[in-house]
Amino acid sequence: MPRTTPHHDDCSVTKALDIIGDWWALLILRNAFHGMRTFDALQKQLGISTSVLSSRLKNMTEAGVLKKVPATGDGRSFEYRLTPSGHDLYPVLVALMQWGEKWRPNDKGQRLLLIEKATGLPVQGVEVLSAAGLPLKPWEVVPVAGPGADERVRELIGQG
C-alpha cells in the first residue's frame, strides 16, 4: 500500500514501510517464515478477510518480498514463497518477536522459542554489531549522510 510521505519520500525506512509497515504484512511474513504458503492457510490462521489478504499478498509480491508459484502437486492453486528480499526480513521479525517477549510478556512464559537446528540451543537476541562484532547501543552510533542522501535526510540527521 504505497503512501505519499511529503517529508521523507526518499527515506529507506519509508520505502520499507510502504511494503511491510502494515501489521497484516508483518503477520503474513511471520507465517511465511513458519512455513505457511497457501492463501487458504494464511486466511484461516490469521482470520483476515480475503480482500485484505489478496491486497497484501499482491503488494508484497509486486515488491519482490514474496513470489507466487504453482503449488506442488496441484497446478490449479498457488503458493507464496519468500524471495531473497523476503528472507532478509527475518532479523526484523525476530527482533519484533524478542521485543514483544521482553516488553509485552505473557505471564505463563515465552510464547515461542527459536531453536537452532544444528545445536538444539536457543538463538541469541538480534543486535546491531560493530565491525568487530561487538553489540552497539544507539548512543554509540552516529548517522552519516550517504551518497544517495537528499536534503531531507541530511536535515533529519543534522547535516542539512
N, C-alpha and C. Protein backbone atom coordinates (compact mmCIF):
# COMPACT_ATOMS: atom_id res chain seq x y z
N MET A 1 0.82 -1.18 0.00
CA MET A 1 0.00 0.00 0.00
C MET A 1 0.87 1.25 0.00
N PRO A 2 1.49 1.61 -1.10
CA PRO A 2 2.35 2.79 -1.12
C PRO A 2 1.61 4.05 -0.71
N ARG A 3 2.27 4.84 0.09
CA ARG A 3 1.71 6.09 0.57
C ARG A 3 2.60 7.23 0.12
N THR A 4 2.03 8.39 0.05
CA THR A 4 2.83 9.57 -0.23
C THR A 4 3.22 10.19 1.10
N THR A 5 4.50 10.31 1.33
CA THR A 5 5.01 10.89 2.56
C THR A 5 5.75 12.16 2.17
N PRO A 6 5.13 13.32 2.39
CA PRO A 6 5.69 14.55 1.86
C PRO A 6 7.09 14.91 2.34
N HIS A 7 7.46 14.52 3.55
CA HIS A 7 8.73 14.98 4.08
C HIS A 7 9.87 13.98 3.96
N HIS A 8 9.58 12.72 3.70
CA HIS A 8 10.64 11.73 3.64
C HIS A 8 10.41 10.74 2.50
N ASP A 9 10.13 11.26 1.33
CA ASP A 9 9.85 10.38 0.19
C ASP A 9 11.01 9.44 -0.12
N ASP A 10 12.24 9.89 0.04
CA ASP A 10 13.38 9.06 -0.33
C ASP A 10 14.11 8.54 0.91
N CYS A 11 13.35 8.18 1.92
CA CYS A 11 13.90 7.64 3.16
C CYS A 11 13.82 6.11 3.09
N SER A 12 14.90 5.42 3.44
CA SER A 12 14.91 3.96 3.36
C SER A 12 13.89 3.34 4.31
N VAL A 13 13.64 3.95 5.46
CA VAL A 13 12.63 3.43 6.38
C VAL A 13 11.25 3.56 5.75
N THR A 14 10.96 4.71 5.15
CA THR A 14 9.67 4.92 4.49
C THR A 14 9.47 3.92 3.36
N LYS A 15 10.52 3.69 2.58
CA LYS A 15 10.42 2.73 1.47
C LYS A 15 10.11 1.33 1.99
N ALA A 16 10.74 0.93 3.08
CA ALA A 16 10.47 -0.38 3.67
C ALA A 16 9.05 -0.45 4.23
N LEU A 17 8.62 0.62 4.90
CA LEU A 17 7.28 0.63 5.49
C LEU A 17 6.18 0.61 4.43
N ASP A 18 6.47 1.12 3.24
CA ASP A 18 5.49 1.03 2.15
C ASP A 18 5.16 -0.43 1.84
N ILE A 19 6.08 -1.32 2.12
CA ILE A 19 5.88 -2.74 1.82
C ILE A 19 5.47 -3.53 3.05
N ILE A 20 6.14 -3.32 4.18
CA ILE A 20 5.90 -4.16 5.35
C ILE A 20 5.40 -3.38 6.57
N GLY A 21 4.98 -2.14 6.38
CA GLY A 21 4.60 -1.30 7.51
C GLY A 21 3.19 -1.54 8.02
N ASP A 22 2.51 -2.46 7.45
CA ASP A 22 1.16 -2.80 7.85
C ASP A 22 1.22 -4.04 8.73
N TRP A 23 0.44 -4.09 9.80
CA TRP A 23 0.56 -5.23 10.70
C TRP A 23 0.18 -6.54 10.03
N TRP A 24 -0.74 -6.50 9.05
CA TRP A 24 -1.09 -7.73 8.33
C TRP A 24 0.12 -8.23 7.54
N ALA A 25 0.86 -7.32 6.93
CA ALA A 25 2.04 -7.72 6.15
C ALA A 25 3.06 -8.41 7.06
N LEU A 26 3.27 -7.88 8.24
CA LEU A 26 4.21 -8.49 9.17
C LEU A 26 3.73 -9.86 9.65
N LEU A 27 2.43 -10.00 9.85
CA LEU A 27 1.90 -11.30 10.27
C LEU A 27 1.98 -12.32 9.13
N ILE A 28 1.76 -11.87 7.91
CA ILE A 28 1.92 -12.75 6.74
C ILE A 28 3.37 -13.22 6.67
N LEU A 29 4.31 -12.30 6.86
CA LEU A 29 5.73 -12.66 6.86
C LEU A 29 6.04 -13.65 7.97
N ARG A 30 5.53 -13.39 9.16
CA ARG A 30 5.74 -14.31 10.28
C ARG A 30 5.31 -15.72 9.89
N ASN A 31 4.11 -15.81 9.33
CA ASN A 31 3.58 -17.12 8.95
C ASN A 31 4.39 -17.75 7.83
N ALA A 32 4.86 -16.94 6.90
CA ALA A 32 5.69 -17.46 5.81
C ALA A 32 6.99 -18.04 6.36
N PHE A 33 7.58 -17.37 7.34
CA PHE A 33 8.80 -17.89 7.95
C PHE A 33 8.55 -19.19 8.71
N HIS A 34 7.33 -19.42 9.13
CA HIS A 34 6.98 -20.67 9.82
C HIS A 34 6.45 -21.72 8.85
N GLY A 35 6.60 -21.47 7.54
CA GLY A 35 6.29 -22.48 6.54
C GLY A 35 4.91 -22.41 5.91
N MET A 36 4.11 -21.42 6.27
CA MET A 36 2.77 -21.30 5.70
C MET A 36 2.88 -20.66 4.32
N ARG A 37 2.27 -21.30 3.31
CA ARG A 37 2.48 -20.84 1.94
C ARG A 37 1.21 -20.58 1.16
N THR A 38 0.09 -21.13 1.56
CA THR A 38 -1.11 -21.02 0.73
C THR A 38 -2.03 -19.92 1.22
N PHE A 39 -2.78 -19.37 0.28
CA PHE A 39 -3.75 -18.34 0.58
C PHE A 39 -4.73 -18.83 1.64
N ASP A 40 -5.28 -20.03 1.43
CA ASP A 40 -6.28 -20.56 2.36
C ASP A 40 -5.72 -20.74 3.77
N ALA A 41 -4.49 -21.25 3.87
CA ALA A 41 -3.88 -21.44 5.19
C ALA A 41 -3.65 -20.10 5.88
N LEU A 42 -3.15 -19.12 5.13
CA LEU A 42 -2.93 -17.78 5.70
C LEU A 42 -4.25 -17.17 6.15
N GLN A 43 -5.26 -17.26 5.30
CA GLN A 43 -6.56 -16.67 5.60
C GLN A 43 -7.17 -17.31 6.85
N LYS A 44 -7.09 -18.61 6.93
CA LYS A 44 -7.67 -19.32 8.07
C LYS A 44 -6.92 -19.00 9.37
N GLN A 45 -5.59 -19.07 9.33
CA GLN A 45 -4.81 -18.87 10.55
C GLN A 45 -4.86 -17.43 11.05
N LEU A 46 -4.85 -16.48 10.12
CA LEU A 46 -4.86 -15.07 10.51
C LEU A 46 -6.27 -14.53 10.77
N GLY A 47 -7.28 -15.16 10.20
CA GLY A 47 -8.63 -14.64 10.34
C GLY A 47 -8.81 -13.32 9.60
N ILE A 48 -8.07 -13.14 8.54
CA ILE A 48 -8.06 -11.91 7.74
C ILE A 48 -9.07 -12.06 6.61
N SER A 49 -9.67 -10.96 6.20
CA SER A 49 -10.61 -11.03 5.08
C SER A 49 -9.85 -11.38 3.80
N THR A 50 -10.53 -12.02 2.88
CA THR A 50 -9.87 -12.42 1.64
C THR A 50 -9.42 -11.21 0.83
N SER A 51 -10.18 -10.12 0.87
CA SER A 51 -9.79 -8.93 0.10
C SER A 51 -8.54 -8.28 0.68
N VAL A 52 -8.44 -8.22 2.01
CA VAL A 52 -7.25 -7.63 2.62
C VAL A 52 -6.04 -8.53 2.38
N LEU A 53 -6.22 -9.83 2.52
CA LEU A 53 -5.12 -10.75 2.28
C LEU A 53 -4.66 -10.66 0.82
N SER A 54 -5.59 -10.64 -0.11
CA SER A 54 -5.24 -10.51 -1.53
C SER A 54 -4.42 -9.25 -1.78
N SER A 55 -4.86 -8.16 -1.19
CA SER A 55 -4.17 -6.88 -1.37
C SER A 55 -2.75 -6.93 -0.82
N ARG A 56 -2.59 -7.47 0.39
CA ARG A 56 -1.26 -7.54 1.00
C ARG A 56 -0.34 -8.47 0.23
N LEU A 57 -0.86 -9.62 -0.19
CA LEU A 57 -0.04 -10.56 -0.96
C LEU A 57 0.37 -9.96 -2.30
N LYS A 58 -0.54 -9.25 -2.94
CA LYS A 58 -0.22 -8.59 -4.21
C LYS A 58 0.89 -7.56 -4.01
N ASN A 59 0.76 -6.73 -2.98
CA ASN A 59 1.76 -5.70 -2.70
C ASN A 59 3.12 -6.32 -2.41
N MET A 60 3.15 -7.37 -1.60
CA MET A 60 4.41 -8.00 -1.22
C MET A 60 5.02 -8.77 -2.39
N THR A 61 4.17 -9.30 -3.28
CA THR A 61 4.66 -9.99 -4.47
C THR A 61 5.23 -8.98 -5.46
N GLU A 62 4.51 -7.89 -5.70
CA GLU A 62 4.99 -6.84 -6.61
C GLU A 62 6.28 -6.22 -6.11
N ALA A 63 6.45 -6.15 -4.79
CA ALA A 63 7.66 -5.57 -4.21
C ALA A 63 8.82 -6.57 -4.19
N GLY A 64 8.55 -7.82 -4.53
CA GLY A 64 9.62 -8.82 -4.58
C GLY A 64 9.96 -9.45 -3.25
N VAL A 65 9.08 -9.32 -2.27
CA VAL A 65 9.29 -9.94 -0.95
C VAL A 65 8.81 -11.39 -0.97
N LEU A 66 7.73 -11.63 -1.69
CA LEU A 66 7.18 -12.97 -1.89
C LEU A 66 7.11 -13.22 -3.39
N LYS A 67 7.10 -14.49 -3.76
CA LYS A 67 6.83 -14.84 -5.16
C LYS A 67 5.69 -15.85 -5.17
N LYS A 68 4.85 -15.72 -6.17
CA LYS A 68 3.70 -16.60 -6.34
C LYS A 68 4.09 -17.69 -7.32
N VAL A 69 4.02 -18.93 -6.88
CA VAL A 69 4.42 -20.06 -7.72
C VAL A 69 3.32 -21.12 -7.72
N PRO A 70 3.22 -21.91 -8.79
CA PRO A 70 2.23 -23.00 -8.78
C PRO A 70 2.50 -23.96 -7.63
N ALA A 71 1.45 -24.39 -6.96
CA ALA A 71 1.59 -25.31 -5.83
C ALA A 71 2.10 -26.66 -6.32
N THR A 72 2.94 -27.26 -5.54
CA THR A 72 3.45 -28.59 -5.90
C THR A 72 2.31 -29.60 -5.82
N GLY A 73 2.16 -30.37 -6.88
CA GLY A 73 1.13 -31.39 -6.89
C GLY A 73 -0.25 -30.93 -7.30
N ASP A 74 -0.44 -29.61 -7.46
CA ASP A 74 -1.76 -29.09 -7.84
C ASP A 74 -1.54 -27.89 -8.75
N GLY A 75 -1.69 -28.06 -10.02
CA GLY A 75 -1.44 -27.00 -10.97
C GLY A 75 -2.47 -25.88 -10.95
N ARG A 76 -3.54 -26.06 -10.19
CA ARG A 76 -4.59 -25.04 -10.16
C ARG A 76 -4.41 -24.02 -9.03
N SER A 77 -3.66 -24.37 -8.00
CA SER A 77 -3.50 -23.44 -6.87
C SER A 77 -2.06 -22.92 -6.82
N PHE A 78 -1.86 -21.94 -5.97
CA PHE A 78 -0.56 -21.27 -5.88
C PHE A 78 -0.05 -21.27 -4.45
N GLU A 79 1.26 -21.07 -4.34
CA GLU A 79 1.90 -20.88 -3.05
C GLU A 79 2.64 -19.54 -3.09
N TYR A 80 2.81 -18.96 -1.93
CA TYR A 80 3.57 -17.73 -1.79
C TYR A 80 4.84 -18.08 -1.02
N ARG A 81 5.96 -17.86 -1.69
CA ARG A 81 7.25 -18.22 -1.10
C ARG A 81 8.11 -16.98 -0.92
N LEU A 82 8.89 -17.01 0.14
CA LEU A 82 9.80 -15.91 0.41
C LEU A 82 10.90 -15.86 -0.66
N THR A 83 11.23 -14.66 -1.09
CA THR A 83 12.33 -14.43 -2.01
C THR A 83 13.58 -14.10 -1.18
N PRO A 84 14.73 -13.91 -1.80
CA PRO A 84 15.89 -13.45 -1.02
C PRO A 84 15.60 -12.13 -0.29
N SER A 85 14.86 -11.24 -0.92
CA SER A 85 14.46 -9.99 -0.26
C SER A 85 13.61 -10.29 0.98
N GLY A 86 12.69 -11.22 0.86
CA GLY A 86 11.86 -11.63 1.99
C GLY A 86 12.68 -12.27 3.09
N HIS A 87 13.63 -13.13 2.71
CA HIS A 87 14.49 -13.78 3.71
C HIS A 87 15.29 -12.76 4.51
N ASP A 88 15.67 -11.67 3.86
CA ASP A 88 16.42 -10.63 4.57
C ASP A 88 15.60 -9.92 5.65
N LEU A 89 14.30 -10.14 5.66
CA LEU A 89 13.45 -9.55 6.70
C LEU A 89 13.39 -10.41 7.96
N TYR A 90 14.00 -11.58 7.94
CA TYR A 90 13.96 -12.46 9.11
C TYR A 90 14.46 -11.78 10.38
N PRO A 91 15.60 -11.10 10.37
CA PRO A 91 16.04 -10.44 11.60
C PRO A 91 15.04 -9.39 12.11
N VAL A 92 14.32 -8.75 11.19
CA VAL A 92 13.31 -7.76 11.59
C VAL A 92 12.21 -8.45 12.38
N LEU A 93 11.72 -9.58 11.88
CA LEU A 93 10.66 -10.32 12.56
C LEU A 93 11.13 -10.87 13.89
N VAL A 94 12.35 -11.40 13.92
CA VAL A 94 12.90 -11.93 15.16
C VAL A 94 13.05 -10.81 16.19
N ALA A 95 13.54 -9.65 15.75
CA ALA A 95 13.68 -8.52 16.68
C ALA A 95 12.33 -8.09 17.24
N LEU A 96 11.30 -8.05 16.40
CA LEU A 96 9.96 -7.69 16.88
C LEU A 96 9.45 -8.72 17.88
N MET A 97 9.66 -10.00 17.58
CA MET A 97 9.24 -11.05 18.49
C MET A 97 9.96 -10.93 19.84
N GLN A 98 11.26 -10.72 19.78
CA GLN A 98 12.04 -10.61 21.02
C GLN A 98 11.63 -9.38 21.82
N TRP A 99 11.36 -8.27 21.14
CA TRP A 99 10.89 -7.07 21.82
C TRP A 99 9.55 -7.36 22.50
N GLY A 100 8.65 -8.02 21.78
CA GLY A 100 7.34 -8.35 22.33
C GLY A 100 7.43 -9.27 23.54
N GLU A 101 8.33 -10.24 23.50
CA GLU A 101 8.51 -11.13 24.65
C GLU A 101 9.07 -10.38 25.86
N LYS A 102 9.96 -9.43 25.60
CA LYS A 102 10.58 -8.67 26.70
C LYS A 102 9.63 -7.62 27.27
N TRP A 103 8.96 -6.86 26.42
CA TRP A 103 8.19 -5.71 26.87
C TRP A 103 6.69 -5.95 26.91
N ARG A 104 6.20 -7.01 26.33
CA ARG A 104 4.78 -7.40 26.39
C ARG A 104 4.69 -8.89 26.69
N PRO A 105 5.26 -9.30 27.84
CA PRO A 105 5.35 -10.74 28.12
C PRO A 105 4.00 -11.37 28.45
N ASN A 106 3.99 -12.67 28.34
CA ASN A 106 2.86 -13.49 28.76
C ASN A 106 3.21 -13.99 30.15
N ASP A 107 2.30 -13.90 31.10
CA ASP A 107 2.63 -14.30 32.47
C ASP A 107 2.88 -15.80 32.62
N LYS A 108 2.61 -16.57 31.58
CA LYS A 108 2.87 -18.01 31.61
C LYS A 108 4.26 -18.35 31.08
N GLY A 109 4.94 -17.39 30.50
CA GLY A 109 6.27 -17.64 29.94
C GLY A 109 6.32 -17.30 28.46
N GLN A 110 7.48 -17.53 27.87
CA GLN A 110 7.66 -17.20 26.45
C GLN A 110 6.65 -17.93 25.59
N ARG A 111 6.13 -17.20 24.60
CA ARG A 111 5.13 -17.77 23.69
C ARG A 111 5.77 -18.68 22.64
N LEU A 112 6.97 -18.31 22.21
CA LEU A 112 7.63 -19.03 21.12
C LEU A 112 9.13 -18.98 21.36
N LEU A 113 9.76 -20.11 21.22
CA LEU A 113 11.22 -20.18 21.32
C LEU A 113 11.78 -20.46 19.94
N LEU A 114 12.90 -19.85 19.63
CA LEU A 114 13.60 -20.12 18.37
C LEU A 114 14.84 -20.94 18.72
N ILE A 115 14.90 -22.14 18.17
CA ILE A 115 15.97 -23.08 18.49
C ILE A 115 16.79 -23.34 17.23
N GLU A 116 18.11 -23.27 17.35
CA GLU A 116 18.99 -23.57 16.24
C GLU A 116 18.96 -25.09 15.98
N LYS A 117 18.65 -25.46 14.75
CA LYS A 117 18.54 -26.88 14.40
C LYS A 117 19.83 -27.64 14.69
N ALA A 118 20.97 -27.06 14.32
CA ALA A 118 22.25 -27.78 14.42
C ALA A 118 22.65 -28.08 15.86
N THR A 119 22.31 -27.19 16.80
CA THR A 119 22.78 -27.36 18.17
C THR A 119 21.67 -27.67 19.17
N GLY A 120 20.43 -27.34 18.82
CA GLY A 120 19.33 -27.51 19.77
C GLY A 120 19.28 -26.41 20.82
N LEU A 121 20.09 -25.37 20.63
CA LEU A 121 20.16 -24.27 21.60
C LEU A 121 19.33 -23.09 21.13
N PRO A 122 18.82 -22.29 22.09
CA PRO A 122 18.06 -21.09 21.71
C PRO A 122 18.94 -20.11 20.95
N VAL A 123 18.35 -19.40 19.97
CA VAL A 123 19.10 -18.38 19.25
C VAL A 123 19.30 -17.18 20.16
N GLN A 124 20.34 -16.43 19.89
CA GLN A 124 20.64 -15.23 20.65
C GLN A 124 19.79 -14.07 20.15
N GLY A 125 19.75 -13.00 20.90
CA GLY A 125 19.00 -11.82 20.51
C GLY A 125 19.57 -11.13 19.29
N VAL A 126 18.70 -10.45 18.56
CA VAL A 126 19.14 -9.66 17.41
C VAL A 126 19.74 -8.37 17.94
N GLU A 127 20.93 -8.04 17.45
CA GLU A 127 21.62 -6.84 17.91
C GLU A 127 22.28 -6.13 16.73
N VAL A 128 22.55 -4.85 16.92
CA VAL A 128 23.36 -4.09 15.98
C VAL A 128 24.80 -4.30 16.44
N LEU A 129 25.66 -4.72 15.51
CA LEU A 129 27.03 -5.06 15.88
C LEU A 129 28.03 -4.12 15.23
N SER A 130 29.13 -3.91 15.93
CA SER A 130 30.24 -3.12 15.39
C SER A 130 30.97 -3.94 14.33
N ALA A 131 31.90 -3.31 13.64
CA ALA A 131 32.71 -4.02 12.65
C ALA A 131 33.48 -5.17 13.30
N ALA A 132 33.75 -5.06 14.61
CA ALA A 132 34.47 -6.10 15.34
C ALA A 132 33.53 -7.16 15.92
N GLY A 133 32.21 -7.01 15.66
CA GLY A 133 31.25 -7.99 16.15
C GLY A 133 30.74 -7.74 17.56
N LEU A 134 30.98 -6.55 18.09
CA LEU A 134 30.54 -6.22 19.45
C LEU A 134 29.18 -5.52 19.40
N PRO A 135 28.30 -5.80 20.37
CA PRO A 135 26.98 -5.15 20.39
C PRO A 135 27.11 -3.63 20.60
N LEU A 136 26.29 -2.89 19.87
CA LEU A 136 26.30 -1.43 19.98
C LEU A 136 24.95 -0.93 20.49
N LYS A 137 24.98 0.10 21.31
CA LYS A 137 23.77 0.78 21.76
C LYS A 137 23.54 1.98 20.84
N PRO A 138 22.30 2.50 20.79
CA PRO A 138 22.02 3.62 19.87
C PRO A 138 22.94 4.83 20.06
N TRP A 139 23.32 5.11 21.28
CA TRP A 139 24.17 6.28 21.54
C TRP A 139 25.63 6.04 21.13
N GLU A 140 25.95 4.83 20.71
CA GLU A 140 27.30 4.52 20.25
C GLU A 140 27.42 4.54 18.73
N VAL A 141 26.35 4.98 18.07
CA VAL A 141 26.31 5.01 16.61
C VAL A 141 25.97 6.43 16.17
N VAL A 142 26.61 6.90 15.12
CA VAL A 142 26.31 8.22 14.57
C VAL A 142 25.84 8.05 13.12
N PRO A 143 24.68 8.60 12.78
CA PRO A 143 24.24 8.53 11.38
C PRO A 143 25.01 9.55 10.54
N VAL A 144 25.42 9.13 9.36
CA VAL A 144 26.15 10.00 8.45
C VAL A 144 25.47 9.89 7.09
N ALA A 145 25.29 11.02 6.44
CA ALA A 145 24.65 11.03 5.12
C ALA A 145 25.48 10.23 4.13
N GLY A 146 24.81 9.37 3.40
CA GLY A 146 25.46 8.59 2.35
C GLY A 146 25.37 9.32 1.02
N PRO A 147 25.95 8.76 -0.02
CA PRO A 147 25.97 9.43 -1.32
C PRO A 147 24.57 9.62 -1.92
N GLY A 148 23.60 8.82 -1.50
CA GLY A 148 22.24 8.97 -2.02
C GLY A 148 21.34 9.84 -1.17
N ALA A 149 21.87 10.44 -0.11
CA ALA A 149 21.05 11.25 0.80
C ALA A 149 20.58 12.53 0.13
N ASP A 150 19.30 12.83 0.31
CA ASP A 150 18.79 14.12 -0.17
C ASP A 150 18.79 15.11 0.99
N GLU A 151 18.30 16.30 0.74
CA GLU A 151 18.31 17.34 1.78
C GLU A 151 17.46 16.96 2.99
N ARG A 152 16.36 16.26 2.78
CA ARG A 152 15.50 15.83 3.90
C ARG A 152 16.25 14.86 4.81
N VAL A 153 16.98 13.95 4.23
CA VAL A 153 17.75 13.00 5.04
C VAL A 153 18.85 13.75 5.79
N ARG A 154 19.52 14.66 5.10
CA ARG A 154 20.58 15.45 5.75
C ARG A 154 20.00 16.28 6.90
N GLU A 155 18.82 16.82 6.70
CA GLU A 155 18.15 17.59 7.74
C GLU A 155 17.79 16.69 8.92
N LEU A 156 17.32 15.49 8.64
CA LEU A 156 16.93 14.54 9.67
C LEU A 156 18.08 14.21 10.61
N ILE A 157 19.28 14.07 10.04
CA ILE A 157 20.43 13.68 10.86
C ILE A 157 21.31 14.86 11.25
N GLY A 158 20.83 16.06 11.00
CA GLY A 158 21.56 17.25 11.43
C GLY A 158 22.74 17.62 10.54
N GLN A 159 22.70 17.21 9.28
CA GLN A 159 23.80 17.55 8.37
C GLN A 159 23.27 18.42 7.21
N GLY A 160 22.10 19.02 7.42
CA GLY A 160 21.48 19.75 6.33
C GLY A 160 21.71 21.20 6.29
